[in-house]
Amino acid sequence: MQYVDANVFLRFILDDNREMADYAEELLAKRQAFALPEVIAEIVYVLMRVYKVARVEIASQIETLLEYADTYNPDVMRYALKLFAETSLDFVDCELIAYNHVRNVEIASFDKALKKHLR
């Protein structure tokens, strides 16, 4: 298992460099890739801010990625991606809400938009 950098996953998603995308596809096909939550957050940020990809498409692309790459708490991550696609919340806020809903983790925050979604 290898922890994988956001750039490798981005080449897989964007397919904008054939050689790098092939490497990423090969790594994912072997089921040897691990995506840290921080890396997923970076992918979301880059796709949204740099490439102007729609939130729904970002969520869909990362869902596909998670079919081939492992991550911590995949159920939490999937919930966060669903929430991200459906709201205007930042992805990290969606992750916190997901931990609250899926794992019953208490979240302390001053963010009113985030707190509105907490149990």
PDB file of N, CA and C in Angstrom:
ATOM      1  N   MET A   1       0.852  -1.183   0.000  1.00  0.00           N
ATOM      2  CA  MET A   1       0.000   0.000   0.000  1.00  0.00           C
ATOM      3  C   MET A   1       0.895   1.243   0.000  1.00  0.00           C
ATOM      4  N   GLN A   2       0.524   2.212  -0.820  1.00  0.00           N
ATOM      5  CA  GLN A   2       1.277   3.465  -0.886  1.00  0.00           C
ATOM      6  C   GLN A   2       0.350   4.630  -0.572  1.00  0.00           C
ATOM      7  N   TYR A   3       0.822   5.548   0.269  1.00  0.00           N
ATOM      8  CA  TYR A   3       0.115   6.810   0.449  1.00  0.00           C
ATOM      9  C   TYR A   3       0.382   7.617  -0.817  1.00  0.00           C
ATOM     10  N   VAL A   4      -0.681   8.155  -1.387  1.00  0.00           N
ATOM     11  CA  VAL A   4      -0.558   8.800  -2.685  1.00  0.00           C
ATOM     12  C   VAL A   4      -0.822  10.295  -2.569  1.00  0.00           C
ATOM     13  N   ASP A   5      -0.002  11.035  -3.246  1.00  0.00           N
ATOM     14  CA  ASP A   5      -0.079  12.492  -3.311  1.00  0.00           C
ATOM     15  C   ASP A   5      -1.286  12.937  -4.157  1.00  0.00           C
ATOM     16  N   ALA A   6      -1.793  14.105  -3.863  1.00  0.00           N
ATOM     17  CA  ALA A   6      -2.941  14.640  -4.605  1.00  0.00           C
ATOM     18  C   ALA A   6      -2.668  14.725  -6.107  1.00  0.00           C
ATOM     19  N   ASN A   7      -1.435  15.046  -6.484  1.00  0.00           N
ATOM     20  CA  ASN A   7      -1.128  15.207  -7.907  1.00  0.00           C
ATOM     21  C   ASN A   7      -1.305  13.912  -8.695  1.00  0.00           C
ATOM     22  N   VAL A   8      -1.019  12.788  -8.079  1.00  0.00           N
ATOM     23  CA  VAL A   8      -1.215  11.501  -8.762  1.00  0.00           C
ATOM     24  C   VAL A   8      -2.705  11.279  -8.988  1.00  0.00           C
ATOM     25  N   PHE A   9      -3.494  11.511  -7.949  1.00  0.00           N
ATOM     26  CA  PHE A   9      -4.939  11.353  -8.098  1.00  0.00           C
ATOM     27  C   PHE A   9      -5.512  12.347  -9.106  1.00  0.00           C
ATOM     28  N   LEU A  10      -4.994  13.564  -9.105  1.00  0.00           N
ATOM     29  CA  LEU A  10      -5.473  14.569 -10.063  1.00  0.00           C
ATOM     30  C   LEU A  10      -5.173  14.170 -11.507  1.00  0.00           C
ATOM     31  N   ARG A  11      -4.010  13.563 -11.741  1.00  0.00           N
ATOM     32  CA  ARG A  11      -3.697  13.110 -13.104  1.00  0.00           C
ATOM     33  C   ARG A  11      -4.685  12.020 -13.532  1.00  0.00           C
ATOM     34  N   PHE A  12      -5.061  11.144 -12.591  1.00  0.00           N
ATOM     35  CA  PHE A  12      -6.056  10.107 -12.864  1.00  0.00           C
ATOM     36  C   PHE A  12      -7.406  10.742 -13.205  1.00  0.00           C
ATOM     37  N   ILE A  13      -7.823  11.687 -12.410  1.00  0.00           N
ATOM     38  CA  ILE A  13      -9.129  12.332 -12.607  1.00  0.00           C
ATOM     39  C   ILE A  13      -9.149  13.174 -13.871  1.00  0.00           C
ATOM     40  N   LEU A  14      -8.122  13.993 -14.060  1.00  0.00           N
ATOM     41  CA  LEU A  14      -8.114  14.949 -15.168  1.00  0.00           C
ATOM     42  C   LEU A  14      -7.627  14.340 -16.479  1.00  0.00           C
ATOM     43  N   ASP A  15      -6.815  13.298 -16.393  1.00  0.00           N
ATOM     44  CA  ASP A  15      -6.254  12.647 -17.583  1.00  0.00           C
ATOM     45  C   ASP A  15      -5.629  13.672 -18.527  1.00  0.00           C
ATOM     46  N   ASP A  16      -4.857  14.595 -17.959  1.00  0.00           N
ATOM     47  CA  ASP A  16      -4.274  15.683 -18.743  1.00  0.00           C
ATOM     48  C   ASP A  16      -2.790  15.477 -19.058  1.00  0.00           C
ATOM     49  N   ASN A  17      -2.253  14.376 -18.595  1.00  0.00           N
ATOM     50  CA  ASN A  17      -0.882  13.992 -18.924  1.00  0.00           C
ATOM     51  C   ASN A  17      -0.900  12.476 -19.060  1.00  0.00           C
ATOM     52  N   ARG A  18      -0.847  11.994 -20.268  1.00  0.00           N
ATOM     53  CA  ARG A  18      -1.038  10.572 -20.545  1.00  0.00           C
ATOM     54  C   ARG A  18      -0.108   9.673 -19.731  1.00  0.00           C
ATOM     55  N   GLU A  19       1.175  10.010 -19.695  1.00  0.00           N
ATOM     56  CA  GLU A  19       2.139   9.171 -18.979  1.00  0.00           C
ATOM     57  C   GLU A  19       1.808   9.122 -17.476  1.00  0.00           C
ATOM     58  N   MET A  20       1.526  10.271 -16.898  1.00  0.00           N
ATOM     59  CA  MET A  20       1.207  10.319 -15.472  1.00  0.00           C
ATOM     60  C   MET A  20      -0.144   9.666 -15.177  1.00  0.00           C
ATOM     61  N   ALA A  21      -1.102   9.881 -16.063  1.00  0.00           N
ATOM     62  CA  ALA A  21      -2.428   9.269 -15.883  1.00  0.00           C
ATOM     63  C   ALA A  21      -2.318   7.742 -15.968  1.00  0.00           C
ATOM     64  N   ASP A  22      -1.494   7.250 -16.875  1.00  0.00           N
ATOM     65  CA  ASP A  22      -1.285   5.800 -16.989  1.00  0.00           C
ATOM     66  C   ASP A  22      -0.697   5.235 -15.699  1.00  0.00           C
ATOM     67  N   TYR A  23       0.299   5.943 -15.145  1.00  0.00           N
ATOM     68  CA  TYR A  23       0.896   5.503 -13.884  1.00  0.00           C
ATOM     69  C   TYR A  23      -0.168   5.461 -12.785  1.00  0.00           C
ATOM     70  N   ALA A  24      -0.973   6.512 -12.681  1.00  0.00           N
ATOM     71  CA  ALA A  24      -2.017   6.587 -11.661  1.00  0.00           C
ATOM     72  C   ALA A  24      -3.035   5.459 -11.848  1.00  0.00           C
ATOM     73  N   GLU A  25      -3.431   5.211 -13.088  1.00  0.00           N
ATOM     74  CA  GLU A  25      -4.386   4.137 -13.370  1.00  0.00           C
ATOM     75  C   GLU A  25      -3.816   2.773 -12.973  1.00  0.00           C
ATOM     76  N   GLU A  26      -2.545   2.572 -13.266  1.00  0.00           N
ATOM     77  CA  GLU A  26      -1.882   1.310 -12.920  1.00  0.00           C
ATOM     78  C   GLU A  26      -1.849   1.117 -11.402  1.00  0.00           C
ATOM     79  N   LEU A  27      -1.501   2.162 -10.688  1.00  0.00           N
ATOM     80  CA  LEU A  27      -1.452   2.110  -9.233  1.00  0.00           C
ATOM     81  C   LEU A  27      -2.834   1.811  -8.655  1.00  0.00           C
ATOM     82  N   LEU A  28      -3.852   2.475  -9.163  1.00  0.00           N
ATOM     83  CA  LEU A  28      -5.208   2.265  -8.677  1.00  0.00           C
ATOM     84  C   LEU A  28      -5.736   0.885  -9.059  1.00  0.00           C
ATOM     85  N   ALA A  29      -5.388   0.427 -10.233  1.00  0.00           N
ATOM     86  CA  ALA A  29      -5.836  -0.902 -10.671  1.00  0.00           C
ATOM     87  C   ALA A  29      -5.293  -1.999  -9.767  1.00  0.00           C
ATOM     88  N   LYS A  30      -4.110  -1.785  -9.215  1.00  0.00           N
ATOM     89  CA  LYS A  30      -3.505  -2.759  -8.300  1.00  0.00           C
ATOM     90  C   LYS A  30      -4.079  -2.660  -6.890  1.00  0.00           C
ATOM     91  N   ARG A  31      -4.950  -1.674  -6.687  1.00  0.00           N
ATOM     92  CA  ARG A  31      -5.543  -1.443  -5.359  1.00  0.00           C
ATOM     93  C   ARG A  31      -4.446  -1.229  -4.307  1.00  0.00           C
ATOM     94  N   GLN A  32      -3.428  -0.469  -4.694  1.00  0.00           N
ATOM     95  CA  GLN A  32      -2.298  -0.206  -3.818  1.00  0.00           C
ATOM     96  C   GLN A  32      -2.221   1.245  -3.357  1.00  0.00           C
ATOM     97  N   ALA A  33      -3.283   2.037  -3.610  1.00  0.00           N
ATOM     98  CA  ALA A  33      -3.254   3.464  -3.294  1.00  0.00           C
ATOM     99  C   ALA A  33      -4.045   3.757  -2.024  1.00  0.00           C
ATOM    100  N   PHE A  34      -3.490   4.641  -1.195  1.00  0.00           N
ATOM    101  CA  PHE A  34      -4.179   5.088   0.008  1.00  0.00           C
ATOM    102  C   PHE A  34      -4.307   6.602  -0.054  1.00  0.00           C
ATOM    103  N   ALA A  35      -5.526   7.091   0.139  1.00  0.00           N
ATOM    104  CA  ALA A  35      -5.804   8.527   0.088  1.00  0.00           C
ATOM    105  C   ALA A  35      -6.064   9.052   1.498  1.00  0.00           C
ATOM    106  N   LEU A  36      -5.144   9.830   2.000  1.00  0.00           N
ATOM    107  CA  LEU A  36      -5.365  10.475   3.287  1.00  0.00           C
ATOM    108  C   LEU A  36      -6.497  11.500   3.148  1.00  0.00           C
ATOM    109  N   PRO A  37      -7.271  11.720   4.192  1.00  0.00           N
ATOM    110  CA  PRO A  37      -8.339  12.740   4.122  1.00  0.00           C
ATOM    111  C   PRO A  37      -7.813  14.120   3.723  1.00  0.00           C
ATOM    112  N   GLU A  38      -6.606  14.450   4.182  1.00  0.00           N
ATOM    113  CA  GLU A  38      -6.013  15.737   3.813  1.00  0.00           C
ATOM    114  C   GLU A  38      -5.752  15.812   2.313  1.00  0.00           C
ATOM    115  N   VAL A  39      -5.378  14.696   1.734  1.00  0.00           N
ATOM    116  CA  VAL A  39      -5.131  14.649   0.294  1.00  0.00           C
ATOM    117  C   VAL A  39      -6.448  14.804  -0.463  1.00  0.00           C
ATOM    118  N   ILE A  40      -7.485  14.168   0.023  1.00  0.00           N
ATOM    119  CA  ILE A  40      -8.799  14.312  -0.617  1.00  0.00           C
ATOM    120  C   ILE A  40      -9.259  15.761  -0.547  1.00  0.00           C
ATOM    121  N   ALA A  41      -9.053  16.406   0.587  1.00  0.00           N
ATOM    122  CA  ALA A  41      -9.418  17.825   0.716  1.00  0.00           C
ATOM    123  C   ALA A  41      -8.630  18.685  -0.275  1.00  0.00           C
ATOM    124  N   GLU A  42      -7.357  18.355  -0.481  1.00  0.00           N
ATOM    125  CA  GLU A  42      -6.549  19.094  -1.446  1.00  0.00           C
ATOM    126  C   GLU A  42      -7.065  18.870  -2.874  1.00  0.00           C
ATOM    127  N   ILE A  43      -7.450  17.650  -3.194  1.00  0.00           N
ATOM    128  CA  ILE A  43      -8.007  17.356  -4.519  1.00  0.00           C
ATOM    129  C   ILE A  43      -9.266  18.189  -4.742  1.00  0.00           C
ATOM    130  N   VAL A  44     -10.142  18.214  -3.746  1.00  0.00           N
ATOM    131  CA  VAL A  44     -11.374  19.004  -3.842  1.00  0.00           C
ATOM    132  C   VAL A  44     -11.032  20.465  -4.105  1.00  0.00           C
ATOM    133  N   TYR A  45     -10.102  20.992  -3.319  1.00  0.00           N
ATOM    134  CA  TYR A  45      -9.723  22.393  -3.454  1.00  0.00           C
ATOM    135  C   TYR A  45      -9.185  22.696  -4.853  1.00  0.00           C
ATOM    136  N   VAL A  46      -8.271  21.878  -5.331  1.00  0.00           N
ATOM    137  CA  VAL A  46      -7.656  22.115  -6.643  1.00  0.00           C
ATOM    138  C   VAL A  46      -8.695  22.009  -7.757  1.00  0.00           C
ATOM    139  N   LEU A  47      -9.532  20.980  -7.709  1.00  0.00           N
ATOM    140  CA  LEU A  47     -10.548  20.835  -8.759  1.00  0.00           C
ATOM    141  C   LEU A  47     -11.512  22.016  -8.768  1.00  0.00           C
ATOM    142  N   MET A  48     -11.862  22.485  -7.583  1.00  0.00           N
ATOM    143  CA  MET A  48     -12.828  23.571  -7.482  1.00  0.00           C
ATOM    144  C   MET A  48     -12.216  24.928  -7.840  1.00  0.00           C
ATOM    145  N   ARG A  49     -11.080  25.227  -7.266  1.00  0.00           N
ATOM    146  CA  ARG A  49     -10.495  26.566  -7.406  1.00  0.00           C
ATOM    147  C   ARG A  49      -9.642  26.733  -8.663  1.00  0.00           C
ATOM    148  N   VAL A  50      -8.880  25.718  -9.003  1.00  0.00           N
ATOM    149  CA  VAL A  50      -7.980  25.842 -10.153  1.00  0.00           C
ATOM    150  C   VAL A  50      -8.684  25.443 -11.451  1.00  0.00           C
ATOM    151  N   TYR A  51      -9.395  24.318 -11.409  1.00  0.00           N
ATOM    152  CA  TYR A  51      -9.998  23.790 -12.629  1.00  0.00           C
ATOM    153  C   TYR A  51     -11.473  24.137 -12.783  1.00  0.00           C
ATOM    154  N   LYS A  52     -12.061  24.782 -11.770  1.00  0.00           N
ATOM    155  CA  LYS A  52     -13.460  25.250 -11.814  1.00  0.00           C
ATOM    156  C   LYS A  52     -14.448  24.120 -12.106  1.00  0.00           C
ATOM    157  N   VAL A  53     -14.194  22.966 -11.537  1.00  0.00           N
ATOM    158  CA  VAL A  53     -15.077  21.813 -11.702  1.00  0.00           C
ATOM    159  C   VAL A  53     -16.257  21.972 -10.745  1.00  0.00           C
ATOM    160  N   ALA A  54     -17.446  21.626 -11.212  1.00  0.00           N
ATOM    161  CA  ALA A  54     -18.651  21.734 -10.393  1.00  0.00           C
ATOM    162  C   ALA A  54     -18.599  20.776  -9.212  1.00  0.00           C
ATOM    163  N   ARG A  55     -19.223  21.173  -8.121  1.00  0.00           N
ATOM    164  CA  ARG A  55     -19.206  20.394  -6.889  1.00  0.00           C
ATOM    165  C   ARG A  55     -19.735  18.978  -7.099  1.00  0.00           C
ATOM    166  N   VAL A  56     -20.810  18.838  -7.835  1.00  0.00           N
ATOM    167  CA  VAL A  56     -21.395  17.514  -8.078  1.00  0.00           C
ATOM    168  C   VAL A  56     -20.404  16.628  -8.826  1.00  0.00           C
ATOM    169  N   GLU A  57     -19.721  17.195  -9.798  1.00  0.00           N
ATOM    170  CA  GLU A  57     -18.731  16.440 -10.568  1.00  0.00           C
ATOM    171  C   GLU A  57     -17.528  16.071  -9.700  1.00  0.00           C
ATOM    172  N   ILE A  58     -17.109  16.988  -8.846  1.00  0.00           N
ATOM    173  CA  ILE A  58     -15.998  16.692  -7.930  1.00  0.00           C
ATOM    174  C   ILE A  58     -16.362  15.501  -7.049  1.00  0.00           C
ATOM    175  N   ALA A  59     -17.542  15.558  -6.454  1.00  0.00           N
ATOM    176  CA  ALA A  59     -17.983  14.471  -5.575  1.00  0.00           C
ATOM    177  C   ALA A  59     -18.022  13.152  -6.343  1.00  0.00           C
ATOM    178  N   SER A  60     -18.526  13.184  -7.558  1.00  0.00           N
ATOM    179  CA  SER A  60     -18.614  11.979  -8.378  1.00  0.00           C
ATOM    180  C   SER A  60     -17.230  11.421  -8.705  1.00  0.00           C
ATOM    181  N   GLN A  61     -16.311  12.290  -9.070  1.00  0.00           N
ATOM    182  CA  GLN A  61     -14.954  11.859  -9.420  1.00  0.00           C
ATOM    183  C   GLN A  61     -14.244  11.238  -8.216  1.00  0.00           C
ATOM    184  N   ILE A  62     -14.415  11.834  -7.053  1.00  0.00           N
ATOM    185  CA  ILE A  62     -13.742  11.289  -5.871  1.00  0.00           C
ATOM    186  C   ILE A  62     -14.425  10.006  -5.414  1.00  0.00           C
ATOM    187  N   GLU A  63     -15.731   9.899  -5.587  1.00  0.00           N
ATOM    188  CA  GLU A  63     -16.420   8.629  -5.304  1.00  0.00           C
ATOM    189  C   GLU A  63     -15.818   7.521  -6.162  1.00  0.00           C
ATOM    190  N   THR A  64     -15.598   7.799  -7.428  1.00  0.00           N
ATOM    191  CA  THR A  64     -14.975   6.829  -8.333  1.00  0.00           C
ATOM    192  C   THR A  64     -13.574   6.487  -7.852  1.00  0.00           C
ATOM    193  N   LEU A  65     -12.825   7.490  -7.487  1.00  0.00           N
ATOM    194  CA  LEU A  65     -11.479   7.277  -6.974  1.00  0.00           C
ATOM    195  C   LEU A  65     -11.487   6.352  -5.762  1.00  0.00           C
ATOM    196  N   LEU A  66     -12.465   6.524  -4.877  1.00  0.00           N
ATOM    197  CA  LEU A  66     -12.532   5.721  -3.659  1.00  0.00           C
ATOM    198  C   LEU A  66     -12.984   4.283  -3.905  1.00  0.00           C
ATOM    199  N   GLU A  67     -13.404   3.982  -5.121  1.00  0.00           N
ATOM    200  CA  GLU A  67     -13.677   2.590  -5.477  1.00  0.00           C
ATOM    201  C   GLU A  67     -12.367   1.819  -5.651  1.00  0.00           C
ATOM    202  N   TYR A  68     -11.279   2.542  -5.888  1.00  0.00           N
ATOM    203  CA  TYR A  68      -9.974   1.931  -6.153  1.00  0.00           C
ATOM    204  C   TYR A  68      -8.925   2.235  -5.096  1.00  0.00           C
ATOM    205  N   ALA A  69      -9.109   3.307  -4.346  1.00  0.00           N
ATOM    206  CA  ALA A  69      -8.137   3.713  -3.329  1.00  0.00           C
ATOM    207  C   ALA A  69      -8.767   3.577  -1.947  1.00  0.00           C
ATOM    208  N   ASP A  70      -7.962   3.148  -1.001  1.00  0.00           N
ATOM    209  CA  ASP A  70      -8.419   3.080   0.384  1.00  0.00           C
ATOM    210  C   ASP A  70      -8.277   4.445   1.037  1.00  0.00           C
ATOM    211  N   THR A  71      -9.049   4.650   2.089  1.00  0.00           N
ATOM    212  CA  THR A  71      -8.938   5.854   2.905  1.00  0.00           C
ATOM    213  C   THR A  71      -9.410   5.524   4.300  1.00  0.00           C
ATOM    214  N   TYR A  72      -9.112   6.397   5.246  1.00  0.00           N
ATOM    215  CA  TYR A  72      -9.658   6.228   6.580  1.00  0.00           C
ATOM    216  C   TYR A  72     -11.144   6.551   6.544  1.00  0.00           C
ATOM    217  N   ASN A  73     -11.944   5.792   7.250  1.00  0.00           N
ATOM    218  CA  ASN A  73     -13.374   6.068   7.397  1.00  0.00           C
ATOM    219  C   ASN A  73     -14.077   6.345   6.064  1.00  0.00           C
ATOM    220  N   PRO A  74     -14.065   5.389   5.146  1.00  0.00           N
ATOM    221  CA  PRO A  74     -14.672   5.624   3.837  1.00  0.00           C
ATOM    222  C   PRO A  74     -16.156   5.996   3.915  1.00  0.00           C
ATOM    223  N   ASP A  75     -16.878   5.476   4.908  1.00  0.00           N
ATOM    224  CA  ASP A  75     -18.285   5.835   5.045  1.00  0.00           C
ATOM    225  C   ASP A  75     -18.446   7.311   5.409  1.00  0.00           C
ATOM    226  N   VAL A  76     -17.556   7.816   6.232  1.00  0.00           N
ATOM    227  CA  VAL A  76     -17.569   9.242   6.578  1.00  0.00           C
ATOM    228  C   VAL A  76     -17.244  10.068   5.342  1.00  0.00           C
ATOM    229  N   MET A  77     -16.239   9.627   4.590  1.00  0.00           N
ATOM    230  CA  MET A  77     -15.837  10.364   3.396  1.00  0.00           C
ATOM    231  C   MET A  77     -16.963  10.408   2.366  1.00  0.00           C
ATOM    232  N   ARG A  78     -17.658   9.300   2.178  1.00  0.00           N
ATOM    233  CA  ARG A  78     -18.761   9.269   1.210  1.00  0.00           C
ATOM    234  C   ARG A  78     -19.902  10.198   1.651  1.00  0.00           C
ATOM    235  N   TYR A  79     -20.185  10.217   2.940  1.00  0.00           N
ATOM    236  CA  TYR A  79     -21.211  11.121   3.461  1.00  0.00           C
ATOM    237  C   TYR A  79     -20.783  12.570   3.224  1.00  0.00           C
ATOM    238  N   ALA A  80     -19.522  12.871   3.487  1.00  0.00           N
ATOM    239  CA  ALA A  80     -19.005  14.228   3.282  1.00  0.00           C
ATOM    240  C   ALA A  80     -19.102  14.634   1.811  1.00  0.00           C
ATOM    241  N   LEU A  81     -18.780  13.713   0.908  1.00  0.00           N
ATOM    242  CA  LEU A  81     -18.866  14.016  -0.530  1.00  0.00           C
ATOM    243  C   LEU A  81     -20.302  14.283  -0.958  1.00  0.00           C
ATOM    244  N   LYS A  82     -21.232  13.507  -0.435  1.00  0.00           N
ATOM    245  CA  LYS A  82     -22.654  13.708  -0.749  1.00  0.00           C
ATOM    246  C   LYS A  82     -23.101  15.087  -0.268  1.00  0.00           C
ATOM    247  N   LEU A  83     -22.744  15.433   0.956  1.00  0.00           N
ATOM    248  CA  LEU A  83     -23.097  16.729   1.523  1.00  0.00           C
ATOM    249  C   LEU A  83     -22.443  17.861   0.736  1.00  0.00           C
ATOM    250  N   PHE A  84     -21.184  17.674   0.358  1.00  0.00           N
ATOM    251  CA  PHE A  84     -20.465  18.678  -0.432  1.00  0.00           C
ATOM    252  C   PHE A  84     -21.176  18.943  -1.758  1.00  0.00           C
ATOM    253  N   ALA A  85     -21.661  17.889  -2.399  1.00  0.00           N
ATOM    254  CA  ALA A  85     -22.341  18.031  -3.686  1.00  0.00           C
ATOM    255  C   ALA A  85     -23.683  18.755  -3.539  1.00  0.00           C
ATOM    256  N   GLU A  86     -24.300  18.631  -2.379  1.00  0.00           N
ATOM    257  CA  GLU A  86     -25.654  19.157  -2.169  1.00  0.00           C
ATOM    258  C   GLU A  86     -25.703  20.532  -1.516  1.00  0.00           C
ATOM    259  N   THR A  87     -24.568  21.018  -1.014  1.00  0.00           N
ATOM    260  CA  THR A  87     -24.558  22.285  -0.282  1.00  0.00           C
ATOM    261  C   THR A  87     -23.471  23.205  -0.821  1.00  0.00           C
ATOM    262  N   SER A  88     -23.362  24.366  -0.196  1.00  0.00           N
ATOM    263  CA  SER A  88     -22.267  25.282  -0.531  1.00  0.00           C
ATOM    264  C   SER A  88     -21.203  25.298   0.564  1.00  0.00           C
ATOM    265  N   LEU A  89     -21.257  24.315   1.465  1.00  0.00           N
ATOM    266  CA  LEU A  89     -20.295  24.227   2.562  1.00  0.00           C
ATOM    267  C   LEU A  89     -18.906  23.858   2.054  1.00  0.00           C
ATOM    268  N   ASP A  90     -17.887  24.322   2.774  1.00  0.00           N
ATOM    269  CA  ASP A  90     -16.516  23.908   2.479  1.00  0.00           C
ATOM    270  C   ASP A  90     -16.400  22.408   2.715  1.00  0.00           C
ATOM    271  N   PHE A  91     -15.492  21.772   1.996  1.00  0.00           N
ATOM    272  CA  PHE A  91     -15.354  20.326   2.121  1.00  0.00           C
ATOM    273  C   PHE A  91     -14.963  19.898   3.529  1.00  0.00           C
ATOM    274  N   VAL A  92     -14.074  20.621   4.170  1.00  0.00           N
ATOM    275  CA  VAL A  92     -13.656  20.245   5.525  1.00  0.00           C
ATOM    276  C   VAL A  92     -14.843  20.333   6.482  1.00  0.00           C
ATOM    277  N   ASP A  93     -15.708  21.331   6.310  1.00  0.00           N
ATOM    278  CA  ASP A  93     -16.928  21.405   7.118  1.00  0.00           C
ATOM    279  C   ASP A  93     -17.811  20.186   6.855  1.00  0.00           C
ATOM    280  N   CYS A  94     -17.886  19.769   5.609  1.00  0.00           N
ATOM    281  CA  CYS A  94     -18.662  18.570   5.265  1.00  0.00           C
ATOM    282  C   CYS A  94     -18.081  17.337   5.946  1.00  0.00           C
ATOM    283  N   GLU A  95     -16.764  17.259   6.027  1.00  0.00           N
ATOM    284  CA  GLU A  95     -16.129  16.141   6.732  1.00  0.00           C
ATOM    285  C   GLU A  95     -16.498  16.158   8.211  1.00  0.00           C
ATOM    286  N   LEU A  96     -16.446  17.326   8.825  1.00  0.00           N
ATOM    287  CA  LEU A  96     -16.795  17.427  10.248  1.00  0.00           C
ATOM    288  C   LEU A  96     -18.249  17.025  10.483  1.00  0.00           C
ATOM    289  N   ILE A  97     -19.136  17.486   9.638  1.00  0.00           N
ATOM    290  CA  ILE A  97     -20.551  17.118   9.746  1.00  0.00           C
ATOM    291  C   ILE A  97     -20.714  15.613   9.564  1.00  0.00           C
ATOM    292  N   ALA A  98     -19.969  15.055   8.630  1.00  0.00           N
ATOM    293  CA  ALA A  98     -20.036  13.613   8.390  1.00  0.00           C
ATOM    294  C   ALA A  98     -19.584  12.835   9.615  1.00  0.00           C
ATOM    295  N   TYR A  99     -18.502  13.264  10.262  1.00  0.00           N
ATOM    296  CA  TYR A  99     -18.071  12.597  11.496  1.00  0.00           C
ATOM    297  C   TYR A  99     -19.154  12.694  12.566  1.00  0.00           C
ATOM    298  N   ASN A 100     -19.830  13.821  12.625  1.00  0.00           N
ATOM    299  CA  ASN A 100     -20.907  14.020  13.583  1.00  0.00           C
ATOM    300  C   ASN A 100     -22.068  13.075  13.302  1.00  0.00           C
ATOM    301  N   HIS A 101     -22.465  12.956  12.050  1.00  0.00           N
ATOM    302  CA  HIS A 101     -23.624  12.139  11.690  1.00  0.00           C
ATOM    303  C   HIS A 101     -23.322  10.649  11.643  1.00  0.00           C
ATOM    304  N   VAL A 102     -22.177  10.282  11.099  1.00  0.00           N
ATOM    305  CA  VAL A 102     -21.852   8.871  10.895  1.00  0.00           C
ATOM    306  C   VAL A 102     -21.224   8.242  12.134  1.00  0.00           C
ATOM    307  N   ARG A 103     -20.372   8.973  12.817  1.00  0.00           N
ATOM    308  CA  ARG A 103     -19.638   8.423  13.961  1.00  0.00           C
ATOM    309  C   ARG A 103     -20.094   9.008  15.307  1.00  0.00           C
ATOM    310  N   ASN A 104     -21.089   9.889  15.277  1.00  0.00           N
ATOM    311  CA  ASN A 104     -21.600  10.544  16.489  1.00  0.00           C
ATOM    312  C   ASN A 104     -20.512  11.296  17.256  1.00  0.00           C
ATOM    313  N   VAL A 105     -19.592  11.890  16.531  1.00  0.00           N
ATOM    314  CA  VAL A 105     -18.525  12.679  17.126  1.00  0.00           C
ATOM    315  C   VAL A 105     -19.073  14.086  17.401  1.00  0.00           C
ATOM    316  N   GLU A 106     -18.799  14.596  18.600  1.00  0.00           N
ATOM    317  CA  GLU A 106     -19.202  15.962  18.915  1.00  0.00           C
ATOM    318  C   GLU A 106     -18.238  16.934  18.252  1.00  0.00           C
ATOM    319  N   ILE A 107     -18.770  17.989  17.680  1.00  0.00           N
ATOM    320  CA  ILE A 107     -17.969  18.987  16.982  1.00  0.00           C
ATOM    321  C   ILE A 107     -18.172  20.335  17.665  1.00  0.00           C
ATOM    322  N   ALA A 108     -17.097  20.977  18.027  1.00  0.00           N
ATOM    323  CA  ALA A 108     -17.151  22.331  18.585  1.00  0.00           C
ATOM    324  C   ALA A 108     -16.805  23.316  17.477  1.00  0.00           C
ATOM    325  N   SER A 109     -17.634  24.331  17.321  1.00  0.00           N
ATOM    326  CA  SER A 109     -17.396  25.304  16.257  1.00  0.00           C
ATOM    327  C   SER A 109     -18.129  26.605  16.563  1.00  0.00           C
ATOM    328  N   PHE A 110     -17.593  27.707  16.038  1.00  0.00           N
ATOM    329  CA  PHE A 110     -18.289  28.990  16.068  1.00  0.00           C
ATOM    330  C   PHE A 110     -18.988  29.249  14.733  1.00  0.00           C
ATOM    331  N   ASP A 111     -18.769  28.388  13.750  1.00  0.00           N
ATOM    332  CA  ASP A 111     -19.306  28.535  12.397  1.00  0.00           C
ATOM    333  C   ASP A 111     -20.797  28.210  12.395  1.00  0.00           C
ATOM    334  N   LYS A 112     -21.615  29.226  12.175  1.00  0.00           N
ATOM    335  CA  LYS A 112     -23.075  29.043  12.228  1.00  0.00           C
ATOM    336  C   LYS A 112     -23.586  28.112  11.136  1.00  0.00           C
ATOM    337  N   ALA A 113     -23.022  28.209   9.944  1.00  0.00           N
ATOM    338  CA  ALA A 113     -23.454  27.342   8.841  1.00  0.00           C
ATOM    339  C   ALA A 113     -23.139  25.885   9.146  1.00  0.00           C
ATOM    340  N   LEU A 114     -21.989  25.646   9.722  1.00  0.00           N
ATOM    341  CA  LEU A 114     -21.599  24.284  10.100  1.00  0.00           C
ATOM    342  C   LEU A 114     -22.499  23.783  11.230  1.00  0.00           C
ATOM    343  N   LYS A 115     -22.665  24.597  12.259  1.00  0.00           N
ATOM    344  CA  LYS A 115     -23.446  24.191  13.421  1.00  0.00           C
ATOM    345  C   LYS A 115     -24.902  23.866  13.054  1.00  0.00           C
ATOM    346  N   LYS A 116     -25.410  24.521  12.035  1.00  0.00           N
ATOM    347  CA  LYS A 116     -26.778  24.279  11.588  1.00  0.00           C
ATOM    348  C   LYS A 116     -26.991  22.833  11.128  1.00  0.00           C
ATOM    349  N   HIS A 117     -25.919  22.192  10.683  1.00  0.00           N
ATOM    350  CA  HIS A 117     -26.001  20.827  10.164  1.00  0.00           C
ATOM    351  C   HIS A 117     -25.644  19.753  11.192  1.00  0.00           C
ATOM    352  N   LEU A 118     -25.192  20.177  12.362  1.00  0.00           N
ATOM    353  CA  LEU A 118     -24.792  19.204  13.380  1.00  0.00           C
ATOM    354  C   LEU A 118     -25.989  18.688  14.155  1.00  0.00           C
ATOM    355  N   ARG A 119     -25.868  17.484  14.674  1.00  0.00           N
ATOM    356  CA  ARG A 119     -26.921  16.904  15.512  1.00  0.00           C
ATOM    357  C   ARG A 119     -26.814  17.449  16.911  1.00  0.00           C
TER     358      ARG A 119
END
